[in-house]
Structure formats: C-alpha cells, structure tokens
Amino acid sequence: MGGLLGLLVPLFLAGCTSLTHPTKPASAFPDEAATCKREAAQAAIAAGQFGLYEDTVYRTCLRHKGWELR
C-alpha cells in the first residue's frame, strides 16, 4: 500500500514543474505532504480501494491545503 503510493507520488510530481502555495514557503511542503499521505492511506483502507484512489485522495488533500501545480 505505502509502496504503491511511494511510486505514484513521484510520477505525479514528475509531470509538473512545481507545487506552490500562495502564502507558505516550499519548506512547508514536506510536512503537509506527509500528512496528506497518511490521510490518503487511511482513506484507502476505509474504502477498501488503493492505487489510483489513494493518489486522488492525496492530491485532493494537497489542493485543500492550498498547494497548486505551477
């Protein structure tokens, strides 16, 4: 489960130039990304769906925290 997310996240990030936040420095991203990874893993377990579902939850979490692809 975590391994799959570990593979999907770099693929997701490789296709973009960067993730930015309008009010937070880039140094805040790792902590928020880790929080979103945990939330995505928990949501996937609760839903019984993994892979793409977990990646979607992760990306949605980051968007709700204000991170945008640039």
PDB file of N, CA and C in Angstrom:
ATOM      1  N   MET A   1       0.834  -1.187   0.000  1.00  0.00           N
ATOM      2  CA  MET A   1       0.000   0.000   0.000  1.00  0.00           C
ATOM      3  C   MET A   1       0.879   1.251   0.000  1.00  0.00           C
ATOM      4  N   GLY A   2       1.722   1.400   0.988  1.00  0.00           N
ATOM      5  CA  GLY A   2       2.587   2.572   1.045  1.00  0.00           C
ATOM      6  C   GLY A   2       3.585   2.600  -0.100  1.00  0.00           C
ATOM      7  N   GLY A   3       4.002   1.400  -0.525  1.00  0.00           N
ATOM      8  CA  GLY A   3       4.929   1.321  -1.646  1.00  0.00           C
ATOM      9  C   GLY A   3       4.312   1.828  -2.932  1.00  0.00           C
ATOM     10  N   LEU A   4       3.034   1.490  -3.119  1.00  0.00           N
ATOM     11  CA  LEU A   4       2.349   1.947  -4.327  1.00  0.00           C
ATOM     12  C   LEU A   4       2.227   3.462  -4.323  1.00  0.00           C
ATOM     13  N   LEU A   5       1.864   4.026  -3.186  1.00  0.00           N
ATOM     14  CA  LEU A   5       1.772   5.483  -3.103  1.00  0.00           C
ATOM     15  C   LEU A   5       3.153   6.101  -3.311  1.00  0.00           C
ATOM     16  N   GLY A   6       4.173   5.434  -2.781  1.00  0.00           N
ATOM     17  CA  GLY A   6       5.532   5.918  -2.970  1.00  0.00           C
ATOM     18  C   GLY A   6       5.941   5.956  -4.433  1.00  0.00           C
ATOM     19  N   LEU A   7       5.374   5.069  -5.229  1.00  0.00           N
ATOM     20  CA  LEU A   7       5.649   5.068  -6.663  1.00  0.00           C
ATOM     21  C   LEU A   7       4.809   6.094  -7.397  1.00  0.00           C
ATOM     22  N   LEU A   8       3.569   6.261  -6.980  1.00  0.00           N
ATOM     23  CA  LEU A   8       2.664   7.167  -7.678  1.00  0.00           C
ATOM     24  C   LEU A   8       2.997   8.638  -7.441  1.00  0.00           C
ATOM     25  N   VAL A   9       3.375   8.975  -6.230  1.00  0.00           N
ATOM     26  CA  VAL A   9       3.641  10.381  -5.907  1.00  0.00           C
ATOM     27  C   VAL A   9       4.772  10.946  -6.759  1.00  0.00           C
ATOM     28  N   PRO A  10       5.915  10.252  -6.872  1.00  0.00           N
ATOM     29  CA  PRO A  10       6.959  10.824  -7.735  1.00  0.00           C
ATOM     30  C   PRO A  10       6.511  10.945  -9.195  1.00  0.00           C
ATOM     31  N   LEU A  11       5.728   9.990  -9.673  1.00  0.00           N
ATOM     32  CA  LEU A  11       5.226  10.093 -11.036  1.00  0.00           C
ATOM     33  C   LEU A  11       4.320  11.305 -11.185  1.00  0.00           C
ATOM     34  N   PHE A  12       3.488  11.528 -10.186  1.00  0.00           N
ATOM     35  CA  PHE A  12       2.592  12.685 -10.183  1.00  0.00           C
ATOM     36  C   PHE A  12       3.416  13.969 -10.194  1.00  0.00           C
ATOM     37  N   LEU A  13       4.426  14.021  -9.357  1.00  0.00           N
ATOM     38  CA  LEU A  13       5.225  15.237  -9.243  1.00  0.00           C
ATOM     39  C   LEU A  13       6.151  15.436 -10.437  1.00  0.00           C
ATOM     40  N   ALA A  14       6.568  14.360 -11.086  1.00  0.00           N
ATOM     41  CA  ALA A  14       7.481  14.476 -12.218  1.00  0.00           C
ATOM     42  C   ALA A  14       6.835  15.194 -13.396  1.00  0.00           C
ATOM     43  N   GLY A  15       5.528  15.119 -13.512  1.00  0.00           N
ATOM     44  CA  GLY A  15       4.843  15.735 -14.633  1.00  0.00           C
ATOM     45  C   GLY A  15       4.593  17.214 -14.458  1.00  0.00           C
ATOM     46  N   CYS A  16       4.891  17.773 -13.324  1.00  0.00           N
ATOM     47  CA  CYS A  16       4.629  19.190 -13.097  1.00  0.00           C
ATOM     48  C   CYS A  16       5.941  19.923 -12.867  1.00  0.00           C
ATOM     49  N   THR A  17       5.895  21.227 -13.008  1.00  0.00           N
ATOM     50  CA  THR A  17       7.110  21.997 -12.773  1.00  0.00           C
ATOM     51  C   THR A  17       7.352  22.170 -11.284  1.00  0.00           C
ATOM     52  N   SER A  18       6.303  22.459 -10.526  1.00  0.00           N
ATOM     53  CA  SER A  18       6.451  22.569  -9.075  1.00  0.00           C
ATOM     54  C   SER A  18       5.084  22.700  -8.414  1.00  0.00           C
ATOM     55  N   LEU A  19       5.066  22.432  -7.146  1.00  0.00           N
ATOM     56  CA  LEU A  19       3.880  22.686  -6.340  1.00  0.00           C
ATOM     57  C   LEU A  19       4.168  23.940  -5.531  1.00  0.00           C
ATOM     58  N   THR A  20       3.259  24.874  -5.574  1.00  0.00           N
ATOM     59  CA  THR A  20       3.456  26.125  -4.854  1.00  0.00           C
ATOM     60  C   THR A  20       2.248  26.415  -3.976  1.00  0.00           C
ATOM     61  N   HIS A  21       2.468  27.264  -3.008  1.00  0.00           N
ATOM     62  CA  HIS A  21       1.398  27.709  -2.117  1.00  0.00           C
ATOM     63  C   HIS A  21       1.465  29.231  -2.081  1.00  0.00           C
ATOM     64  N   PRO A  22       0.316  29.890  -2.142  1.00  0.00           N
ATOM     65  CA  PRO A  22       0.347  31.358  -2.193  1.00  0.00           C
ATOM     66  C   PRO A  22       0.895  32.025  -0.939  1.00  0.00           C
ATOM     67  N   THR A  23       0.842  31.354   0.219  1.00  0.00           N
ATOM     68  CA  THR A  23       1.285  32.015   1.449  1.00  0.00           C
ATOM     69  C   THR A  23       2.324  31.233   2.243  1.00  0.00           C
ATOM     70  N   LYS A  24       2.672  30.031   1.811  1.00  0.00           N
ATOM     71  CA  LYS A  24       3.623  29.204   2.567  1.00  0.00           C
ATOM     72  C   LYS A  24       4.889  28.987   1.757  1.00  0.00           C
ATOM     73  N   PRO A  25       6.032  28.868   2.449  1.00  0.00           N
ATOM     74  CA  PRO A  25       7.282  28.590   1.734  1.00  0.00           C
ATOM     75  C   PRO A  25       7.326  27.128   1.283  1.00  0.00           C
ATOM     76  N   ALA A  26       8.163  26.854   0.309  1.00  0.00           N
ATOM     77  CA  ALA A  26       8.326  25.482  -0.196  1.00  0.00           C
ATOM     78  C   ALA A  26       8.768  24.532   0.917  1.00  0.00           C
ATOM     79  N   SER A  27       9.443  25.055   1.926  1.00  0.00           N
ATOM     80  CA  SER A  27       9.915  24.209   3.028  1.00  0.00           C
ATOM     81  C   SER A  27       8.765  23.631   3.854  1.00  0.00           C
ATOM     82  N   ALA A  28       7.559  24.182   3.713  1.00  0.00           N
ATOM     83  CA  ALA A  28       6.393  23.659   4.431  1.00  0.00           C
ATOM     84  C   ALA A  28       5.797  22.442   3.726  1.00  0.00           C
ATOM     85  N   PHE A  29       6.165  22.233   2.459  1.00  0.00           N
ATOM     86  CA  PHE A  29       5.562  21.154   1.683  1.00  0.00           C
ATOM     87  C   PHE A  29       5.810  19.760   2.254  1.00  0.00           C
ATOM     88  N   PRO A  30       7.028  19.383   2.627  1.00  0.00           N
ATOM     89  CA  PRO A  30       7.241  18.004   3.097  1.00  0.00           C
ATOM     90  C   PRO A  30       6.334  17.594   4.263  1.00  0.00           C
ATOM     91  N   ASP A  31       6.145  18.472   5.224  1.00  0.00           N
ATOM     92  CA  ASP A  31       5.279  18.146   6.357  1.00  0.00           C
ATOM     93  C   ASP A  31       3.833  17.987   5.919  1.00  0.00           C
ATOM     94  N   GLU A  32       3.373  18.872   5.070  1.00  0.00           N
ATOM     95  CA  GLU A  32       1.988  18.788   4.615  1.00  0.00           C
ATOM     96  C   GLU A  32       1.789  17.592   3.691  1.00  0.00           C
ATOM     97  N   ALA A  33       2.793  17.273   2.895  1.00  0.00           N
ATOM     98  CA  ALA A  33       2.708  16.098   2.024  1.00  0.00           C
ATOM     99  C   ALA A  33       2.638  14.821   2.862  1.00  0.00           C
ATOM    100  N   ALA A  34       3.427  14.759   3.929  1.00  0.00           N
ATOM    101  CA  ALA A  34       3.399  13.580   4.801  1.00  0.00           C
ATOM    102  C   ALA A  34       2.033  13.422   5.460  1.00  0.00           C
ATOM    103  N   THR A  35       1.435  14.529   5.886  1.00  0.00           N
ATOM    104  CA  THR A  35       0.097  14.490   6.474  1.00  0.00           C
ATOM    105  C   THR A  35      -0.914  13.976   5.458  1.00  0.00           C
ATOM    106  N   CYS A  36      -0.816  14.468   4.241  1.00  0.00           N
ATOM    107  CA  CYS A  36      -1.742  14.027   3.187  1.00  0.00           C
ATOM    108  C   CYS A  36      -1.537  12.556   2.835  1.00  0.00           C
ATOM    109  N   LYS A  37      -0.292  12.090   2.864  1.00  0.00           N
ATOM    110  CA  LYS A  37      -0.032  10.669   2.601  1.00  0.00           C
ATOM    111  C   LYS A  37      -0.710   9.798   3.655  1.00  0.00           C
ATOM    112  N   ARG A  38      -0.599  10.202   4.917  1.00  0.00           N
ATOM    113  CA  ARG A  38      -1.251   9.433   5.997  1.00  0.00           C
ATOM    114  C   ARG A  38      -2.762   9.441   5.825  1.00  0.00           C
ATOM    115  N   GLU A  39      -3.329  10.606   5.525  1.00  0.00           N
ATOM    116  CA  GLU A  39      -4.773  10.704   5.324  1.00  0.00           C
ATOM    117  C   GLU A  39      -5.220   9.857   4.134  1.00  0.00           C
ATOM    118  N   ALA A  40      -4.442   9.865   3.058  1.00  0.00           N
ATOM    119  CA  ALA A  40      -4.785   9.080   1.875  1.00  0.00           C
ATOM    120  C   ALA A  40      -4.732   7.588   2.174  1.00  0.00           C
ATOM    121  N   ALA A  41      -3.723   7.162   2.925  1.00  0.00           N
ATOM    122  CA  ALA A  41      -3.613   5.746   3.282  1.00  0.00           C
ATOM    123  C   ALA A  41      -4.795   5.316   4.144  1.00  0.00           C
ATOM    124  N   GLN A  42      -5.172   6.140   5.109  1.00  0.00           N
ATOM    125  CA  GLN A  42      -6.316   5.821   5.970  1.00  0.00           C
ATOM    126  C   GLN A  42      -7.607   5.774   5.169  1.00  0.00           C
ATOM    127  N   ALA A  43      -7.786   6.708   4.250  1.00  0.00           N
ATOM    128  CA  ALA A  43      -8.995   6.738   3.423  1.00  0.00           C
ATOM    129  C   ALA A  43      -9.062   5.504   2.526  1.00  0.00           C
ATOM    130  N   ALA A  44      -7.923   5.096   1.991  1.00  0.00           N
ATOM    131  CA  ALA A  44      -7.881   3.921   1.121  1.00  0.00           C
ATOM    132  C   ALA A  44      -8.241   2.662   1.895  1.00  0.00           C
ATOM    133  N   ILE A  45      -7.734   2.545   3.109  1.00  0.00           N
ATOM    134  CA  ILE A  45      -8.065   1.387   3.949  1.00  0.00           C
ATOM    135  C   ILE A  45      -9.552   1.384   4.266  1.00  0.00           C
ATOM    136  N   ALA A  46     -10.079   2.525   4.647  1.00  0.00           N
ATOM    137  CA  ALA A  46     -11.504   2.621   4.993  1.00  0.00           C
ATOM    138  C   ALA A  46     -12.394   2.294   3.790  1.00  0.00           C
ATOM    139  N   ALA A  47     -11.970   2.706   2.599  1.00  0.00           N
ATOM    140  CA  ALA A  47     -12.774   2.480   1.397  1.00  0.00           C
ATOM    141  C   ALA A  47     -12.497   1.117   0.769  1.00  0.00           C
ATOM    142  N   GLY A  48     -11.388   0.499   1.165  1.00  0.00           N
ATOM    143  CA  GLY A  48     -11.013  -0.763   0.553  1.00  0.00           C
ATOM    144  C   GLY A  48     -10.544  -0.596  -0.878  1.00  0.00           C
ATOM    145  N   GLN A  49     -10.072   0.616  -1.194  1.00  0.00           N
ATOM    146  CA  GLN A  49      -9.587   0.917  -2.544  1.00  0.00           C
ATOM    147  C   GLN A  49      -8.190   1.513  -2.431  1.00  0.00           C
ATOM    148  N   PHE A  50      -7.324   1.090  -3.318  1.00  0.00           N
ATOM    149  CA  PHE A  50      -5.942   1.549  -3.243  1.00  0.00           C
ATOM    150  C   PHE A  50      -5.497   2.030  -4.619  1.00  0.00           C
ATOM    151  N   GLY A  51      -4.228   2.359  -4.744  1.00  0.00           N
ATOM    152  CA  GLY A  51      -3.688   2.785  -6.035  1.00  0.00           C
ATOM    153  C   GLY A  51      -4.177   4.152  -6.439  1.00  0.00           C
ATOM    154  N   LEU A  52      -4.936   4.186  -7.529  1.00  0.00           N
ATOM    155  CA  LEU A  52      -5.405   5.455  -8.074  1.00  0.00           C
ATOM    156  C   LEU A  52      -6.274   6.209  -7.067  1.00  0.00           C
ATOM    157  N   TYR A  53      -7.103   5.487  -6.319  1.00  0.00           N
ATOM    158  CA  TYR A  53      -7.962   6.124  -5.316  1.00  0.00           C
ATOM    159  C   TYR A  53      -7.101   6.843  -4.278  1.00  0.00           C
ATOM    160  N   GLU A  54      -6.084   6.148  -3.801  1.00  0.00           N
ATOM    161  CA  GLU A  54      -5.206   6.724  -2.780  1.00  0.00           C
ATOM    162  C   GLU A  54      -4.485   7.958  -3.324  1.00  0.00           C
ATOM    163  N   ASP A  55      -4.029   7.888  -4.562  1.00  0.00           N
ATOM    164  CA  ASP A  55      -3.359   9.026  -5.194  1.00  0.00           C
ATOM    165  C   ASP A  55      -4.310  10.212  -5.337  1.00  0.00           C
ATOM    166  N   THR A  56      -5.549   9.936  -5.705  1.00  0.00           N
ATOM    167  CA  THR A  56      -6.544  11.001  -5.856  1.00  0.00           C
ATOM    168  C   THR A  56      -6.812  11.686  -4.521  1.00  0.00           C
ATOM    169  N   VAL A  57      -6.941  10.894  -3.462  1.00  0.00           N
ATOM    170  CA  VAL A  57      -7.165  11.462  -2.130  1.00  0.00           C
ATOM    171  C   VAL A  57      -5.967  12.327  -1.729  1.00  0.00           C
ATOM    172  N   TYR A  58      -4.760  11.849  -2.021  1.00  0.00           N
ATOM    173  CA  TYR A  58      -3.542  12.596  -1.697  1.00  0.00           C
ATOM    174  C   TYR A  58      -3.526  13.950  -2.406  1.00  0.00           C
ATOM    175  N   ARG A  59      -3.782  13.946  -3.704  1.00  0.00           N
ATOM    176  CA  ARG A  59      -3.777  15.198  -4.475  1.00  0.00           C
ATOM    177  C   ARG A  59      -4.876  16.144  -4.009  1.00  0.00           C
ATOM    178  N   THR A  60      -6.038  15.599  -3.689  1.00  0.00           N
ATOM    179  CA  THR A  60      -7.146  16.424  -3.198  1.00  0.00           C
ATOM    180  C   THR A  60      -6.776  17.067  -1.867  1.00  0.00           C
ATOM    181  N   CYS A  61      -6.147  16.308  -1.004  1.00  0.00           N
ATOM    182  CA  CYS A  61      -5.702  16.835   0.288  1.00  0.00           C
ATOM    183  C   CYS A  61      -4.750  18.016   0.090  1.00  0.00           C
ATOM    184  N   LEU A  62      -3.781  17.850  -0.805  1.00  0.00           N
ATOM    185  CA  LEU A  62      -2.835  18.945  -1.055  1.00  0.00           C
ATOM    186  C   LEU A  62      -3.543  20.181  -1.594  1.00  0.00           C
ATOM    187  N   ARG A  63      -4.496  19.976  -2.503  1.00  0.00           N
ATOM    188  CA  ARG A  63      -5.260  21.124  -3.043  1.00  0.00           C
ATOM    189  C   ARG A  63      -6.039  21.815  -1.928  1.00  0.00           C
ATOM    190  N   HIS A  64      -6.645  21.046  -1.026  1.00  0.00           N
ATOM    191  CA  HIS A  64      -7.398  21.654   0.075  1.00  0.00           C
ATOM    192  C   HIS A  64      -6.493  22.429   1.020  1.00  0.00           C
ATOM    193  N   LYS A  65      -5.232  22.053   1.074  1.00  0.00           N
ATOM    194  CA  LYS A  65      -4.274  22.777   1.912  1.00  0.00           C
ATOM    195  C   LYS A  65      -3.696  23.996   1.183  1.00  0.00           C
ATOM    196  N   GLY A  66      -4.101  24.173  -0.088  1.00  0.00           N
ATOM    197  CA  GLY A  66      -3.697  25.361  -0.840  1.00  0.00           C
ATOM    198  C   GLY A  66      -2.550  25.166  -1.812  1.00  0.00           C
ATOM    199  N   TRP A  67      -2.025  23.943  -1.944  1.00  0.00           N
ATOM    200  CA  TRP A  67      -0.920  23.695  -2.863  1.00  0.00           C
ATOM    201  C   TRP A  67      -1.449  23.569  -4.278  1.00  0.00           C
ATOM    202  N   GLU A  68      -0.767  24.208  -5.215  1.00  0.00           N
ATOM    203  CA  GLU A  68      -1.198  24.230  -6.609  1.00  0.00           C
ATOM    204  C   GLU A  68      -0.033  23.833  -7.514  1.00  0.00           C
ATOM    205  N   LEU A  69      -0.363  23.180  -8.627  1.00  0.00           N
ATOM    206  CA  LEU A  69       0.646  22.851  -9.639  1.00  0.00           C
ATOM    207  C   LEU A  69       0.950  24.114 -10.434  1.00  0.00           C
ATOM    208  N   ARG A  70       2.206  24.380 -10.645  1.00  0.00           N
ATOM    209  CA  ARG A  70       2.630  25.539 -11.450  1.00  0.00           C
ATOM    210  C   ARG A  70       3.619  25.076 -12.478  1.00  0.00           C
TER     211      ARG A  70
END
